[in-house]
Amino acid sequence: MFYTTRHYYPNGIEGESMNCTFKEFDTIEKAIKYCHRYSKGIRFAGVQVEDEEGFLLYEITSDGDITDYR
């Protein structure tokens, strides 16, 4: 299983408190596809993919930087 954590600004104002959502996926490909789907817009702050052991595998930042740790 793979887990995503997506951080976002509820009102699109940088500096305000962030909300986050957690989702679970069967494959890393589905998790990465989800990351790219929701990594757009003024409200987006960042998204990460972790494995069952909590190791960070993939990350997209608000600046659009993509890091693949696999």
C-alpha atoms as a PDB file:
ATOM      1  CA  MET A   1       0.000   0.000   0.000  1.00  0.00           C
ATOM      2  CA  PHE A   2       1.017   3.572  -0.672  1.00  0.00           C
ATOM      3  CA  TYR A   3      -0.215   6.664   1.118  1.00  0.00           C
ATOM      4  CA  THR A   4      -0.453  10.260  -0.065  1.00  0.00           C
ATOM      5  CA  THR A   5      -0.546  13.365   2.062  1.00  0.00           C
ATOM      6  CA  ARG A   6      -1.731  16.494   0.254  1.00  0.00           C
ATOM      7  CA  HIS A   7      -1.341  19.881   1.937  1.00  0.00           C
ATOM      8  CA  TYR A   8      -3.339  22.890   0.782  1.00  0.00           C
ATOM      9  CA  TYR A   9      -4.405  26.368   1.857  1.00  0.00           C
ATOM     10  CA  PRO A  10      -8.194  26.358   2.399  1.00  0.00           C
ATOM     11  CA  ASN A  11      -8.616  29.928   1.125  1.00  0.00           C
ATOM     12  CA  GLY A  12      -5.565  30.105  -1.120  1.00  0.00           C
ATOM     13  CA  ILE A  13      -3.749  32.539   1.182  1.00  0.00           C
ATOM     14  CA  GLU A  14      -0.143  31.571   1.797  1.00  0.00           C
ATOM     15  CA  GLY A  15       0.725  31.919   5.460  1.00  0.00           C
ATOM     16  CA  GLU A  16      -2.629  30.789   6.805  1.00  0.00           C
ATOM     17  CA  SER A  17      -2.992  27.392   8.437  1.00  0.00           C
ATOM     18  CA  MET A  18      -3.014  24.451   6.031  1.00  0.00           C
ATOM     19  CA  ASN A  19      -5.391  21.526   5.729  1.00  0.00           C
ATOM     20  CA  CYS A  20      -4.356  18.100   4.543  1.00  0.00           C
ATOM     21  CA  THR A  21      -5.937  14.991   3.101  1.00  0.00           C
ATOM     22  CA  PHE A  22      -4.727  11.408   3.324  1.00  0.00           C
ATOM     23  CA  LYS A  23      -5.447   8.739   0.710  1.00  0.00           C
ATOM     24  CA  GLU A  24      -4.444   5.103   0.302  1.00  0.00           C
ATOM     25  CA  PHE A  25      -3.529   3.457  -3.020  1.00  0.00           C
ATOM     26  CA  ASP A  26      -2.758  -0.101  -4.167  1.00  0.00           C
ATOM     27  CA  THR A  27       0.060   0.900  -6.527  1.00  0.00           C
ATOM     28  CA  ILE A  28       2.599   3.687  -6.598  1.00  0.00           C
ATOM     29  CA  GLU A  29       1.553   4.562 -10.152  1.00  0.00           C
ATOM     30  CA  LYS A  30      -1.979   5.408  -8.974  1.00  0.00           C
ATOM     31  CA  ALA A  31      -0.577   7.441  -6.079  1.00  0.00           C
ATOM     32  CA  ILE A  32       1.708   9.431  -8.380  1.00  0.00           C
ATOM     33  CA  LYS A  33      -1.141  10.024 -10.843  1.00  0.00           C
ATOM     34  CA  TYR A  34      -3.200  11.422  -7.937  1.00  0.00           C
ATOM     35  CA  CYS A  35      -0.287  13.693  -6.984  1.00  0.00           C
ATOM     36  CA  HIS A  36      -0.075  15.202 -10.455  1.00  0.00           C
ATOM     37  CA  ARG A  37      -3.843  15.615 -10.683  1.00  0.00           C
ATOM     38  CA  TYR A  38      -4.042  17.694  -7.496  1.00  0.00           C
ATOM     39  CA  SER A  39      -0.734  19.588  -7.695  1.00  0.00           C
ATOM     40  CA  LYS A  40      -2.198  22.632  -9.385  1.00  0.00           C
ATOM     41  CA  GLY A  41      -3.819  25.866  -8.357  1.00  0.00           C
ATOM     42  CA  ILE A  42      -3.278  28.630  -5.850  1.00  0.00           C
ATOM     43  CA  ARG A  43      -4.447  26.510  -2.914  1.00  0.00           C
ATOM     44  CA  PHE A  44      -1.871  23.730  -3.461  1.00  0.00           C
ATOM     45  CA  ALA A  45       1.019  23.589  -0.954  1.00  0.00           C
ATOM     46  CA  GLY A  46       2.563  20.128  -1.481  1.00  0.00           C
ATOM     47  CA  VAL A  47       1.960  16.402  -1.816  1.00  0.00           C
ATOM     48  CA  GLN A  48       3.974  13.367  -0.736  1.00  0.00           C
ATOM     49  CA  VAL A  49       3.819   9.604  -1.338  1.00  0.00           C
ATOM     50  CA  GLU A  50       4.977   7.222   1.382  1.00  0.00           C
ATOM     51  CA  ASP A  51       5.137   3.436   1.580  1.00  0.00           C
ATOM     52  CA  GLU A  52       3.758   1.265   4.401  1.00  0.00           C
ATOM     53  CA  GLU A  53       6.925   1.746   6.423  1.00  0.00           C
ATOM     54  CA  GLY A  54       6.673   5.530   6.245  1.00  0.00           C
ATOM     55  CA  PHE A  55       9.526   6.088   3.795  1.00  0.00           C
ATOM     56  CA  LEU A  56       9.084   9.088   1.513  1.00  0.00           C
ATOM     57  CA  LEU A  57       9.063   7.916  -2.124  1.00  0.00           C
ATOM     58  CA  TYR A  58       7.781  10.848  -4.180  1.00  0.00           C
ATOM     59  CA  GLU A  59       7.123  14.535  -3.591  1.00  0.00           C
ATOM     60  CA  ILE A  60       5.788  17.566  -5.441  1.00  0.00           C
ATOM     61  CA  THR A  61       6.249  20.992  -3.853  1.00  0.00           C
ATOM     62  CA  SER A  62       4.236  24.171  -4.374  1.00  0.00           C
ATOM     63  CA  ASP A  63       7.084  25.458  -6.564  1.00  0.00           C
ATOM     64  CA  GLY A  64       6.495  22.559  -8.953  1.00  0.00           C
ATOM     65  CA  ASP A  65       9.680  20.715  -7.949  1.00  0.00           C
ATOM     66  CA  ILE A  66       9.265  16.960  -8.377  1.00  0.00           C
ATOM     67  CA  THR A  67      11.531  14.645  -6.406  1.00  0.00           C
ATOM     68  CA  ASP A  68      11.535  10.886  -6.875  1.00  0.00           C
ATOM     69  CA  TYR A  69      13.270   9.205  -3.922  1.00  0.00           C
ATOM     70  CA  ARG A  70      12.858   5.651  -5.187  1.00  0.00           C
END
